[in-house]
Amino acid sequence: MRARHPRAAGPPVGPTAVHHGRLHGLRQWELSRDATGAIRLGAACRAWRTDGETTWAQCSGGNSWASVFGTARAHEALAPAAGCTCGLYAIHPRAAFECDFWAPLAGAEQMLAFGVVEAWGQVQLYREGFRARYARPVVLVLTGVSRRSDYGRLLEDVAIAHRAELIEVRDDTELFEHCERTAIGLSAEELDALLQPATSQAEGG
């Protein structure tokens, strides 16, 4: 098992940018029942929109970094904001491959899903991933689980409801190769170029 990346010691603040293209990253979702009883992506209080529609980030104050100190309140800035944990999260494929990011999905009975999001708008960008204002699921992944299994059939229904592709891979290596082959996620060079201006500015001033 690969070692997890250590948690950051401070607030999740990265370079803030309006990204005019589309970013792709990997993430996990909880699965929960909607008002009709169907299983969909996201917990009841933070469900993701279905039918291929856009989900947008909102800050309620409860997930602010300030909540650690008991001073949380919703900010006026649109999410994701610097100094807050709000936003729609994803991890870069290379960073996910270097840790045991999808280890909790080893048991098909768990009410979790794993896949790819397409994100855009304002983002907080990091070496490991990003927080975005807008996103939607575009791919759901079955890792080492058959499409014909109970979990596979469930995830196929979820993928159809969210208008996402469903793919099967043997393991994390095959998933990473799929991301590389289909240009899912930023390359190391692209990520360096996006992070460099903020790094240079910090060093210079």
N, C-alpha and C. Protein backbone atom coordinates (compact mmCIF):
# COMPACT_ATOMS: atom_id res chain seq x y z
N MET A 1 0.84 -1.20 0.00
CA MET A 1 0.00 0.00 0.00
C MET A 1 0.88 1.25 0.00
N ARG A 2 0.52 2.19 -0.82
CA ARG A 2 1.30 3.43 -0.88
C ARG A 2 0.99 4.32 0.31
N ALA A 3 1.96 5.11 0.71
CA ALA A 3 1.75 6.03 1.82
C ALA A 3 0.87 7.18 1.38
N ARG A 4 0.00 7.62 2.25
CA ARG A 4 -0.82 8.78 1.96
C ARG A 4 0.01 10.05 2.05
N HIS A 5 -0.41 11.06 1.29
CA HIS A 5 0.23 12.36 1.44
C HIS A 5 -0.13 12.93 2.81
N PRO A 6 0.81 13.54 3.52
CA PRO A 6 0.47 14.14 4.81
C PRO A 6 -0.49 15.29 4.64
N ARG A 7 -1.35 15.49 5.63
CA ARG A 7 -2.28 16.61 5.60
C ARG A 7 -1.53 17.92 5.74
N ALA A 8 -2.02 18.93 5.05
CA ALA A 8 -1.40 20.25 5.14
C ALA A 8 -1.56 20.80 6.55
N ALA A 9 -0.57 21.55 7.01
CA ALA A 9 -0.61 22.09 8.36
C ALA A 9 -1.47 23.34 8.45
N GLY A 10 -1.75 23.99 7.35
CA GLY A 10 -2.50 25.23 7.36
C GLY A 10 -3.73 25.18 6.49
N PRO A 11 -4.38 26.31 6.31
CA PRO A 11 -5.59 26.36 5.47
C PRO A 11 -5.30 25.92 4.05
N PRO A 12 -6.32 25.36 3.37
CA PRO A 12 -6.12 24.88 2.01
C PRO A 12 -6.13 26.00 1.00
N VAL A 13 -5.10 26.82 1.01
CA VAL A 13 -5.05 28.00 0.15
C VAL A 13 -4.07 27.74 -0.99
N GLY A 14 -4.56 27.92 -2.21
CA GLY A 14 -3.71 27.77 -3.38
C GLY A 14 -3.88 28.97 -4.27
N PRO A 15 -3.21 28.99 -5.40
CA PRO A 15 -3.41 30.09 -6.35
C PRO A 15 -4.87 30.15 -6.80
N THR A 16 -5.46 31.33 -6.76
CA THR A 16 -6.83 31.52 -7.22
C THR A 16 -6.78 31.94 -8.68
N ALA A 17 -7.53 31.25 -9.52
CA ALA A 17 -7.52 31.58 -10.93
C ALA A 17 -8.87 31.30 -11.55
N VAL A 18 -9.22 32.07 -12.56
CA VAL A 18 -10.39 31.76 -13.37
C VAL A 18 -9.88 30.94 -14.55
N HIS A 19 -10.22 29.68 -14.56
CA HIS A 19 -9.70 28.79 -15.58
C HIS A 19 -10.68 28.76 -16.74
N HIS A 20 -10.23 29.20 -17.91
CA HIS A 20 -11.13 29.32 -19.06
C HIS A 20 -11.35 28.00 -19.78
N GLY A 21 -10.52 27.01 -19.51
CA GLY A 21 -10.73 25.70 -20.06
C GLY A 21 -11.44 24.80 -19.07
N ARG A 22 -11.37 23.52 -19.30
CA ARG A 22 -11.97 22.55 -18.41
C ARG A 22 -10.87 21.75 -17.72
N LEU A 23 -10.99 21.61 -16.40
CA LEU A 23 -10.06 20.79 -15.64
C LEU A 23 -10.74 19.44 -15.36
N HIS A 24 -9.93 18.39 -15.31
CA HIS A 24 -10.45 17.08 -14.97
C HIS A 24 -9.65 16.51 -13.81
N GLY A 25 -10.34 15.92 -12.88
CA GLY A 25 -9.69 15.31 -11.73
C GLY A 25 -10.51 14.13 -11.22
N LEU A 26 -9.92 13.38 -10.31
CA LEU A 26 -10.56 12.21 -9.73
C LEU A 26 -11.13 12.55 -8.36
N ARG A 27 -12.23 11.88 -8.00
CA ARG A 27 -12.78 12.11 -6.68
C ARG A 27 -13.67 10.94 -6.27
N GLN A 28 -14.00 10.90 -4.99
CA GLN A 28 -14.96 9.95 -4.45
C GLN A 28 -16.25 10.68 -4.11
N TRP A 29 -17.34 9.96 -4.19
CA TRP A 29 -18.64 10.46 -3.74
C TRP A 29 -19.25 9.46 -2.76
N GLU A 30 -20.01 9.97 -1.81
CA GLU A 30 -20.93 9.12 -1.09
C GLU A 30 -22.13 8.87 -1.99
N LEU A 31 -22.80 7.76 -1.78
CA LEU A 31 -24.04 7.46 -2.49
C LEU A 31 -25.19 7.55 -1.51
N SER A 32 -26.27 8.18 -1.92
CA SER A 32 -27.43 8.29 -1.03
C SER A 32 -28.70 8.27 -1.86
N ARG A 33 -29.83 8.08 -1.22
CA ARG A 33 -31.12 8.04 -1.89
C ARG A 33 -31.69 9.44 -2.04
N ASP A 34 -32.25 9.71 -3.21
CA ASP A 34 -32.91 11.00 -3.40
C ASP A 34 -34.37 10.90 -2.97
N ALA A 35 -35.15 11.92 -3.26
CA ALA A 35 -36.55 11.96 -2.81
C ALA A 35 -37.38 10.83 -3.38
N THR A 36 -36.96 10.30 -4.54
CA THR A 36 -37.71 9.20 -5.17
C THR A 36 -37.26 7.84 -4.68
N GLY A 37 -36.19 7.81 -3.86
CA GLY A 37 -35.65 6.55 -3.38
C GLY A 37 -34.53 6.00 -4.24
N ALA A 38 -34.19 6.69 -5.35
CA ALA A 38 -33.11 6.25 -6.23
C ALA A 38 -31.76 6.62 -5.64
N ILE A 39 -30.74 5.80 -5.92
CA ILE A 39 -29.39 6.06 -5.44
C ILE A 39 -28.69 7.03 -6.39
N ARG A 40 -28.13 8.10 -5.83
CA ARG A 40 -27.47 9.13 -6.63
C ARG A 40 -26.16 9.55 -5.95
N LEU A 41 -25.35 10.37 -6.65
CA LEU A 41 -24.08 10.84 -6.13
C LEU A 41 -24.29 11.93 -5.09
N GLY A 42 -23.57 11.82 -3.99
CA GLY A 42 -23.59 12.85 -2.96
C GLY A 42 -24.51 12.50 -1.81
N ALA A 43 -24.13 12.97 -0.63
CA ALA A 43 -25.00 12.80 0.53
C ALA A 43 -26.23 13.70 0.38
N ALA A 44 -27.25 13.42 1.16
CA ALA A 44 -28.52 14.13 1.01
C ALA A 44 -28.37 15.64 1.10
N CYS A 45 -27.49 16.11 1.97
CA CYS A 45 -27.34 17.55 2.17
C CYS A 45 -26.42 18.20 1.15
N ARG A 46 -25.74 17.41 0.33
CA ARG A 46 -24.82 17.96 -0.67
C ARG A 46 -24.83 17.08 -1.93
N ALA A 47 -26.04 16.83 -2.42
CA ALA A 47 -26.20 15.98 -3.59
C ALA A 47 -25.70 16.68 -4.85
N TRP A 48 -25.19 15.90 -5.78
CA TRP A 48 -24.76 16.42 -7.08
C TRP A 48 -25.93 16.34 -8.04
N ARG A 49 -26.05 17.33 -8.91
CA ARG A 49 -27.17 17.39 -9.84
C ARG A 49 -27.06 16.28 -10.88
N THR A 50 -28.21 15.78 -11.31
CA THR A 50 -28.27 14.68 -12.26
C THR A 50 -28.45 15.21 -13.69
N ASP A 51 -28.61 14.27 -14.64
CA ASP A 51 -28.89 14.58 -16.05
C ASP A 51 -27.79 15.40 -16.71
N GLY A 52 -26.56 15.30 -16.23
CA GLY A 52 -25.45 16.02 -16.83
C GLY A 52 -25.40 17.49 -16.49
N GLU A 53 -26.24 17.92 -15.56
CA GLU A 53 -26.29 19.34 -15.21
C GLU A 53 -25.14 19.73 -14.29
N THR A 54 -24.89 21.02 -14.21
CA THR A 54 -23.77 21.54 -13.43
C THR A 54 -24.11 21.63 -11.95
N THR A 55 -23.18 21.17 -11.12
CA THR A 55 -23.24 21.40 -9.67
C THR A 55 -22.32 22.56 -9.35
N TRP A 56 -22.73 23.47 -8.48
CA TRP A 56 -21.89 24.61 -8.15
C TRP A 56 -21.60 24.64 -6.66
N ALA A 57 -20.43 25.18 -6.34
CA ALA A 57 -19.97 25.23 -4.95
C ALA A 57 -20.66 26.34 -4.19
N GLN A 58 -20.98 26.07 -2.94
CA GLN A 58 -21.53 27.06 -2.03
C GLN A 58 -20.87 26.91 -0.67
N CYS A 59 -20.67 28.01 0.02
CA CYS A 59 -20.09 27.95 1.36
C CYS A 59 -21.18 28.24 2.39
N SER A 60 -21.35 27.32 3.31
CA SER A 60 -22.33 27.51 4.37
C SER A 60 -21.69 28.01 5.65
N GLY A 61 -20.37 28.12 5.66
CA GLY A 61 -19.67 28.54 6.87
C GLY A 61 -19.28 27.37 7.75
N GLY A 62 -20.05 26.30 7.67
CA GLY A 62 -19.77 25.15 8.51
C GLY A 62 -18.53 24.40 8.09
N ASN A 63 -18.11 24.56 6.84
CA ASN A 63 -16.92 23.86 6.39
C ASN A 63 -15.73 24.80 6.26
N SER A 64 -15.83 25.99 6.83
CA SER A 64 -14.72 26.94 6.78
C SER A 64 -13.58 26.49 7.66
N TRP A 65 -12.36 26.82 7.24
CA TRP A 65 -11.19 26.53 8.08
C TRP A 65 -11.35 27.15 9.45
N ALA A 66 -12.05 28.28 9.50
CA ALA A 66 -12.24 28.94 10.78
C ALA A 66 -13.05 28.11 11.75
N SER A 67 -13.79 27.10 11.23
CA SER A 67 -14.59 26.27 12.13
C SER A 67 -13.71 25.50 13.10
N VAL A 68 -12.44 25.28 12.71
CA VAL A 68 -11.51 24.61 13.62
C VAL A 68 -11.36 25.41 14.90
N PHE A 69 -11.46 26.74 14.79
CA PHE A 69 -11.28 27.61 15.94
C PHE A 69 -12.61 28.13 16.48
N GLY A 70 -13.72 27.60 15.96
CA GLY A 70 -15.03 27.99 16.46
C GLY A 70 -15.47 29.36 16.01
N THR A 71 -14.91 29.88 14.92
CA THR A 71 -15.27 31.23 14.46
C THR A 71 -15.83 31.20 13.04
N ALA A 72 -16.36 30.05 12.63
CA ALA A 72 -16.79 29.89 11.24
C ALA A 72 -18.02 30.74 10.93
N ARG A 73 -18.02 31.30 9.73
CA ARG A 73 -19.20 31.97 9.18
C ARG A 73 -19.05 32.01 7.67
N ALA A 74 -20.16 32.02 6.98
CA ALA A 74 -20.11 32.05 5.52
C ALA A 74 -19.48 33.36 5.05
N HIS A 75 -18.64 33.29 4.05
CA HIS A 75 -17.98 34.48 3.54
C HIS A 75 -18.76 35.05 2.37
N GLU A 76 -18.49 36.32 2.06
CA GLU A 76 -19.19 36.97 0.96
C GLU A 76 -18.64 36.57 -0.39
N ALA A 77 -17.38 36.20 -0.44
CA ALA A 77 -16.76 35.82 -1.71
C ALA A 77 -17.39 34.53 -2.23
N LEU A 78 -17.50 34.43 -3.54
CA LEU A 78 -18.03 33.21 -4.13
C LEU A 78 -17.07 32.05 -3.90
N ALA A 79 -17.63 30.88 -3.72
CA ALA A 79 -16.80 29.68 -3.52
C ALA A 79 -16.22 29.22 -4.86
N PRO A 80 -14.98 28.69 -4.81
CA PRO A 80 -14.15 28.46 -3.63
C PRO A 80 -13.33 29.70 -3.28
N ALA A 81 -13.19 29.97 -2.01
CA ALA A 81 -12.47 31.15 -1.56
C ALA A 81 -11.17 30.73 -0.87
N ALA A 82 -10.18 31.59 -0.96
CA ALA A 82 -8.93 31.36 -0.25
C ALA A 82 -9.19 31.41 1.25
N GLY A 83 -8.49 30.58 2.01
CA GLY A 83 -8.66 30.56 3.44
C GLY A 83 -9.88 29.82 3.90
N CYS A 84 -10.55 29.11 3.00
CA CYS A 84 -11.75 28.34 3.34
C CYS A 84 -11.61 26.97 2.70
N THR A 85 -12.40 26.02 3.16
CA THR A 85 -12.36 24.68 2.58
C THR A 85 -13.48 24.45 1.59
N CYS A 86 -14.25 25.50 1.25
CA CYS A 86 -15.38 25.32 0.36
C CYS A 86 -14.92 25.06 -1.07
N GLY A 87 -15.82 24.54 -1.88
CA GLY A 87 -15.51 24.24 -3.27
C GLY A 87 -15.78 22.79 -3.59
N LEU A 88 -15.75 22.46 -4.86
CA LEU A 88 -15.93 21.10 -5.34
C LEU A 88 -14.55 20.50 -5.59
N TYR A 89 -14.23 19.46 -4.85
CA TYR A 89 -12.87 18.92 -4.80
C TYR A 89 -12.60 17.87 -5.86
N ALA A 90 -11.36 17.80 -6.30
CA ALA A 90 -10.86 16.70 -7.13
C ALA A 90 -9.35 16.61 -6.93
N ILE A 91 -8.81 15.44 -7.22
CA ILE A 91 -7.37 15.21 -7.09
C ILE A 91 -6.81 14.92 -8.48
N HIS A 92 -5.61 15.40 -8.75
CA HIS A 92 -4.97 15.12 -10.03
C HIS A 92 -4.70 13.61 -10.15
N PRO A 93 -4.88 13.02 -11.33
CA PRO A 93 -4.66 11.58 -11.49
C PRO A 93 -3.30 11.11 -11.01
N ARG A 94 -2.24 11.86 -11.30
CA ARG A 94 -0.90 11.43 -10.88
C ARG A 94 -0.80 11.40 -9.35
N ALA A 95 -1.37 12.40 -8.68
CA ALA A 95 -1.34 12.43 -7.22
C ALA A 95 -2.15 11.27 -6.65
N ALA A 96 -3.29 10.94 -7.28
CA ALA A 96 -4.11 9.83 -6.82
C ALA A 96 -3.36 8.50 -6.97
N PHE A 97 -2.61 8.37 -8.06
CA PHE A 97 -1.86 7.15 -8.30
C PHE A 97 -0.75 6.96 -7.27
N GLU A 98 -0.23 8.05 -6.73
CA GLU A 98 0.89 7.97 -5.79
C GLU A 98 0.45 7.76 -4.35
N CYS A 99 -0.85 7.61 -4.12
CA CYS A 99 -1.34 7.32 -2.78
C CYS A 99 -2.44 6.28 -2.88
N ASP A 100 -2.95 5.83 -1.73
CA ASP A 100 -4.01 4.82 -1.73
C ASP A 100 -5.38 5.50 -1.73
N PHE A 101 -5.58 6.39 -2.68
CA PHE A 101 -6.76 7.26 -2.70
C PHE A 101 -8.05 6.47 -2.78
N TRP A 102 -8.07 5.37 -3.54
CA TRP A 102 -9.32 4.62 -3.72
C TRP A 102 -9.35 3.35 -2.88
N ALA A 103 -8.48 3.23 -1.89
CA ALA A 103 -8.48 2.05 -1.04
C ALA A 103 -9.84 1.75 -0.40
N PRO A 104 -10.62 2.78 0.04
CA PRO A 104 -11.92 2.48 0.64
C PRO A 104 -12.89 1.78 -0.29
N LEU A 105 -12.62 1.78 -1.61
CA LEU A 105 -13.53 1.13 -2.56
C LEU A 105 -13.23 -0.35 -2.73
N ALA A 106 -12.31 -0.88 -1.91
CA ALA A 106 -11.97 -2.29 -2.04
C ALA A 106 -13.18 -3.17 -1.76
N GLY A 107 -14.09 -2.72 -0.89
CA GLY A 107 -15.29 -3.48 -0.59
C GLY A 107 -16.47 -2.96 -1.39
N ALA A 108 -17.03 -3.79 -2.26
CA ALA A 108 -18.11 -3.34 -3.14
C ALA A 108 -19.38 -3.00 -2.37
N GLU A 109 -19.45 -3.45 -1.11
CA GLU A 109 -20.67 -3.19 -0.36
C GLU A 109 -20.72 -1.76 0.18
N GLN A 110 -19.63 -1.03 0.11
CA GLN A 110 -19.61 0.32 0.64
C GLN A 110 -20.37 1.27 -0.27
N MET A 111 -21.08 2.22 0.33
CA MET A 111 -21.88 3.16 -0.44
C MET A 111 -21.02 4.34 -0.88
N LEU A 112 -20.05 4.03 -1.74
CA LEU A 112 -19.15 5.04 -2.28
C LEU A 112 -19.04 4.83 -3.79
N ALA A 113 -18.69 5.89 -4.48
CA ALA A 113 -18.42 5.82 -5.92
C ALA A 113 -17.14 6.59 -6.20
N PHE A 114 -16.48 6.22 -7.28
CA PHE A 114 -15.21 6.84 -7.65
C PHE A 114 -15.29 7.20 -9.12
N GLY A 115 -14.77 8.38 -9.50
CA GLY A 115 -14.83 8.74 -10.89
C GLY A 115 -14.11 10.02 -11.22
N VAL A 116 -14.46 10.59 -12.37
CA VAL A 116 -13.81 11.77 -12.93
C VAL A 116 -14.81 12.91 -13.00
N VAL A 117 -14.38 14.10 -12.58
CA VAL A 117 -15.21 15.29 -12.74
C VAL A 117 -14.59 16.20 -13.79
N GLU A 118 -15.46 16.92 -14.47
CA GLU A 118 -15.07 18.03 -15.33
C GLU A 118 -15.41 19.30 -14.58
N ALA A 119 -14.44 20.19 -14.40
CA ALA A 119 -14.63 21.38 -13.58
C ALA A 119 -14.19 22.63 -14.35
N TRP A 120 -14.78 23.76 -13.97
CA TRP A 120 -14.43 25.01 -14.63
C TRP A 120 -14.78 26.19 -13.73
N GLY A 121 -14.52 27.40 -14.24
CA GLY A 121 -14.75 28.60 -13.44
C GLY A 121 -13.59 28.89 -12.52
N GLN A 122 -13.85 29.61 -11.46
CA GLN A 122 -12.79 29.93 -10.49
C GLN A 122 -12.34 28.66 -9.78
N VAL A 123 -11.03 28.51 -9.63
CA VAL A 123 -10.49 27.34 -8.95
C VAL A 123 -9.41 27.76 -7.96
N GLN A 124 -9.24 26.96 -6.95
CA GLN A 124 -8.09 27.02 -6.06
C GLN A 124 -7.24 25.81 -6.43
N LEU A 125 -6.05 26.06 -6.95
CA LEU A 125 -5.23 25.00 -7.51
C LEU A 125 -4.09 24.63 -6.57
N TYR A 126 -3.81 23.34 -6.48
CA TYR A 126 -2.74 22.82 -5.62
C TYR A 126 -1.94 21.78 -6.39
N ARG A 127 -0.82 21.40 -5.80
CA ARG A 127 0.01 20.36 -6.39
C ARG A 127 -0.77 19.03 -6.44
N GLU A 128 -1.61 18.77 -5.42
CA GLU A 128 -2.32 17.50 -5.35
C GLU A 128 -3.66 17.52 -6.08
N GLY A 129 -4.29 18.68 -6.20
CA GLY A 129 -5.61 18.72 -6.82
C GLY A 129 -6.14 20.14 -6.88
N PHE A 130 -7.46 20.27 -6.80
CA PHE A 130 -8.06 21.59 -6.90
C PHE A 130 -9.44 21.61 -6.24
N ARG A 131 -9.91 22.83 -5.96
CA ARG A 131 -11.29 23.10 -5.55
C ARG A 131 -11.88 24.01 -6.63
N ALA A 132 -13.06 23.69 -7.12
CA ALA A 132 -13.64 24.43 -8.24
C ALA A 132 -15.00 25.00 -7.89
N ARG A 133 -15.41 26.01 -8.68
CA ARG A 133 -16.75 26.59 -8.51
C ARG A 133 -17.82 25.73 -9.17
N TYR A 134 -17.53 25.23 -10.38
CA TYR A 134 -18.51 24.44 -11.12
C TYR A 134 -17.91 23.08 -11.49
N ALA A 135 -18.73 22.05 -11.47
CA ALA A 135 -18.25 20.72 -11.87
C ALA A 135 -19.43 19.81 -12.17
N ARG A 136 -19.11 18.73 -12.88
CA ARG A 136 -20.10 17.68 -13.11
C ARG A 136 -19.36 16.36 -13.29
N PRO A 137 -19.96 15.25 -12.89
CA PRO A 137 -19.31 13.95 -13.10
C PRO A 137 -19.39 13.55 -14.56
N VAL A 138 -18.28 13.08 -15.12
CA VAL A 138 -18.27 12.65 -16.52
C VAL A 138 -17.92 11.17 -16.69
N VAL A 139 -17.27 10.59 -15.68
CA VAL A 139 -16.91 9.17 -15.73
C VAL A 139 -17.06 8.58 -14.33
N LEU A 140 -17.66 7.41 -14.23
CA LEU A 140 -17.63 6.62 -13.00
C LEU A 140 -16.81 5.37 -13.28
N VAL A 141 -16.10 4.90 -12.25
CA VAL A 141 -15.11 3.84 -12.45
C VAL A 141 -15.41 2.63 -11.57
N LEU A 142 -15.40 1.46 -12.19
CA LEU A 142 -15.43 0.20 -11.47
C LEU A 142 -14.01 -0.34 -11.44
N THR A 143 -13.40 -0.39 -10.27
CA THR A 143 -12.01 -0.85 -10.14
C THR A 143 -11.99 -2.24 -9.53
N GLY A 144 -11.70 -3.24 -10.36
CA GLY A 144 -11.63 -4.61 -9.87
C GLY A 144 -12.97 -5.20 -9.51
N VAL A 145 -14.05 -4.59 -9.99
CA VAL A 145 -15.41 -5.07 -9.70
C VAL A 145 -16.14 -5.23 -11.02
N SER A 146 -16.83 -6.33 -11.20
CA SER A 146 -17.53 -6.59 -12.45
C SER A 146 -18.77 -5.72 -12.60
N ARG A 147 -19.05 -5.33 -13.83
CA ARG A 147 -20.27 -4.60 -14.14
C ARG A 147 -21.51 -5.45 -13.84
N ARG A 148 -21.34 -6.77 -13.82
CA ARG A 148 -22.46 -7.68 -13.57
C ARG A 148 -22.70 -7.94 -12.09
N SER A 149 -21.83 -7.42 -11.23
CA SER A 149 -22.02 -7.57 -9.78
C SER A 149 -23.13 -6.64 -9.31
N ASP A 150 -23.59 -6.85 -8.09
CA ASP A 150 -24.64 -5.98 -7.54
C ASP A 150 -24.18 -4.53 -7.53
N TYR A 151 -22.94 -4.32 -7.08
CA TYR A 151 -22.40 -2.96 -7.05
C TYR A 151 -22.25 -2.41 -8.46
N GLY A 152 -21.81 -3.25 -9.41
CA GLY A 152 -21.66 -2.81 -10.79
C GLY A 152 -22.97 -2.38 -11.40
N ARG A 153 -24.03 -3.14 -11.16
CA ARG A 153 -25.35 -2.77 -11.69
C ARG A 153 -25.86 -1.49 -11.04
N LEU A 154 -25.58 -1.35 -9.74
CA LEU A 154 -25.98 -0.12 -9.04
C LEU A 154 -25.26 1.08 -9.64
N LEU A 155 -23.95 0.96 -9.83
CA LEU A 155 -23.18 2.09 -10.33
C LEU A 155 -23.55 2.40 -11.79
N GLU A 156 -23.94 1.40 -12.54
CA GLU A 156 -24.38 1.65 -13.91
C GLU A 156 -25.65 2.50 -13.91
N ASP A 157 -26.58 2.21 -12.99
CA ASP A 157 -27.80 3.02 -12.88
C ASP A 157 -27.45 4.46 -12.49
N VAL A 158 -26.49 4.61 -11.56
CA VAL A 158 -26.09 5.95 -11.13
C VAL A 158 -25.45 6.71 -12.29
N ALA A 159 -24.60 6.02 -13.05
CA ALA A 159 -23.93 6.66 -14.20
C ALA A 159 -24.97 7.14 -15.22
N ILE A 160 -25.96 6.32 -15.51
CA ILE A 160 -27.00 6.71 -16.46
C ILE A 160 -27.76 7.93 -15.96
N ALA A 161 -28.08 7.96 -14.66
CA ALA A 161 -28.82 9.08 -14.09
C ALA A 161 -28.03 10.38 -14.19
N HIS A 162 -26.71 10.30 -14.06
CA HIS A 162 -25.87 11.50 -14.11
C HIS A 162 -25.29 11.75 -15.50
N ARG A 163 -25.67 10.92 -16.48
CA ARG A 163 -25.17 11.01 -17.85
C ARG A 163 -23.64 10.95 -17.89
N ALA A 164 -23.11 10.04 -17.10
CA ALA A 164 -21.66 9.83 -17.05
C ALA A 164 -21.32 8.49 -17.68
N GLU A 165 -20.12 8.41 -18.22
CA GLU A 165 -19.63 7.15 -18.77
C GLU A 165 -19.25 6.22 -17.62
N LEU A 166 -19.44 4.92 -17.80
CA LEU A 166 -19.01 3.94 -16.80
C LEU A 166 -17.91 3.09 -17.42
N ILE A 167 -16.74 3.04 -16.77
CA ILE A 167 -15.63 2.24 -17.28
C ILE A 167 -15.20 1.21 -16.24
N GLU A 168 -14.63 0.11 -16.72
CA GLU A 168 -14.11 -0.93 -15.85
C GLU A 168 -12.59 -1.00 -16.01
N VAL A 169 -11.87 -1.01 -14.90
CA VAL A 169 -10.42 -1.19 -14.93
C VAL A 169 -10.04 -2.23 -13.89
N ARG A 170 -8.90 -2.88 -14.11
CA ARG A 170 -8.46 -3.93 -13.19
C ARG A 170 -7.94 -3.36 -11.88
N ASP A 171 -7.19 -2.25 -11.97
CA ASP A 171 -6.55 -1.71 -10.77
C ASP A 171 -6.20 -0.25 -11.01
N ASP A 172 -5.52 0.37 -10.03
CA ASP A 172 -5.19 1.78 -10.13
C ASP A 172 -4.21 2.07 -11.27
N THR A 173 -3.33 1.10 -11.57
CA THR A 173 -2.39 1.30 -12.68
C THR A 173 -3.13 1.43 -14.00
N GLU A 174 -4.10 0.57 -14.23
CA GLU A 174 -4.86 0.64 -15.47
C GLU A 174 -5.68 1.92 -15.54
N LEU A 175 -6.19 2.38 -14.40
CA LEU A 175 -6.93 3.64 -14.39
C LEU A 175 -6.01 4.80 -14.74
N PHE A 176 -4.81 4.82 -14.15
CA PHE A 176 -3.87 5.89 -14.45
C PHE A 176 -3.49 5.88 -15.93
N GLU A 177 -3.29 4.69 -16.50
CA GLU A 177 -2.97 4.58 -17.92
C GLU A 177 -4.13 5.09 -18.77
N HIS A 178 -5.36 4.82 -18.33
CA HIS A 178 -6.53 5.34 -19.05
C HIS A 178 -6.55 6.87 -19.02
N CYS A 179 -6.24 7.44 -17.86
CA CYS A 179 -6.21 8.91 -17.75
C CYS A 179 -5.13 9.50 -18.65
N GLU A 180 -3.96 8.86 -18.69
CA GLU A 180 -2.88 9.33 -19.55
C GLU A 180 -3.27 9.24 -21.03
N ARG A 181 -3.88 8.14 -21.40
CA ARG A 181 -4.24 7.89 -22.80
C ARG A 181 -5.33 8.83 -23.29
N THR A 182 -6.26 9.18 -22.41
CA THR A 182 -7.39 10.02 -22.80
C THR A 182 -7.22 11.47 -22.36
N ALA A 183 -6.01 11.83 -21.89
CA ALA A 183 -5.69 13.21 -21.50
C ALA A 183 -6.61 13.72 -20.39
N ILE A 184 -6.93 12.86 -19.42
CA ILE A 184 -7.69 13.28 -18.25
C ILE A 184 -6.72 13.84 -17.22
N GLY A 185 -6.89 15.08 -16.84
CA GLY A 185 -6.03 15.70 -15.85
C GLY A 185 -4.90 16.49 -16.48
N LEU A 186 -4.31 17.36 -15.67
CA LEU A 186 -3.18 18.18 -16.11
C LEU A 186 -1.91 17.36 -16.15
N SER A 187 -1.08 17.61 -17.15
CA SER A 187 0.24 16.99 -17.16
C SER A 187 1.11 17.69 -16.13
N ALA A 188 2.24 17.08 -15.79
CA ALA A 188 3.17 17.69 -14.84
C ALA A 188 3.63 19.05 -15.33
N GLU A 189 3.86 19.17 -16.63
CA GLU A 189 4.33 20.43 -17.21
C GLU A 189 3.23 21.50 -17.12
N GLU A 190 2.00 21.13 -17.44
CA GLU A 190 0.89 22.08 -17.36
C GLU A 190 0.68 22.56 -15.92
N LEU A 191 0.76 21.64 -14.97
CA LEU A 191 0.57 22.00 -13.57
C LEU A 191 1.69 22.93 -13.11
N ASP A 192 2.93 22.63 -13.49
CA ASP A 192 4.05 23.50 -13.13
C ASP A 192 3.85 24.90 -13.68
N ALA A 193 3.39 25.00 -14.92
CA ALA A 193 3.20 26.31 -15.54
C ALA A 193 2.12 27.11 -14.84
N LEU A 194 1.06 26.45 -14.38
CA LEU A 194 -0.03 27.14 -13.70
C LEU A 194 0.37 27.57 -12.29
N LEU A 195 1.19 26.77 -11.63
CA LEU A 195 1.59 27.07 -10.25
C LEU A 195 2.78 28.02 -10.19
N GLN A 196 3.58 28.08 -11.23
CA GLN A 196 4.81 28.87 -11.20
C GLN A 196 4.60 30.35 -10.94
N PRO A 197 3.62 31.01 -11.57
CA PRO A 197 3.45 32.46 -11.31
C PRO A 197 3.21 32.78 -9.84
N ALA A 198 2.39 31.97 -9.18
CA ALA A 198 2.11 32.22 -7.76
C ALA A 198 3.36 31.98 -6.92
N THR A 199 4.12 30.93 -7.26
CA THR A 199 5.35 30.64 -6.54
C THR A 199 6.37 31.75 -6.70
N SER A 200 6.54 32.23 -7.94
CA SER A 200 7.51 33.28 -8.20
C SER A 200 7.13 34.58 -7.49
N GLN A 201 5.84 34.88 -7.48
CA GLN A 201 5.37 36.09 -6.82
C GLN A 201 5.62 36.05 -5.33
N ALA A 202 5.38 34.85 -4.74
CA ALA A 202 5.60 34.71 -3.31
C ALA A 202 7.06 34.86 -2.96
N GLU A 203 7.94 34.30 -3.81
CA GLU A 203 9.37 34.38 -3.53
C GLU A 203 9.90 35.80 -3.72
N GLY A 204 9.26 36.54 -4.64
CA GLY A 204 9.75 37.87 -4.92
C GLY A 204 9.22 38.94 -4.00
N GLY A 205 8.16 38.63 -3.28
CA GLY A 205 7.62 39.72 -2.52
C GLY A 205 7.23 39.46 -1.15
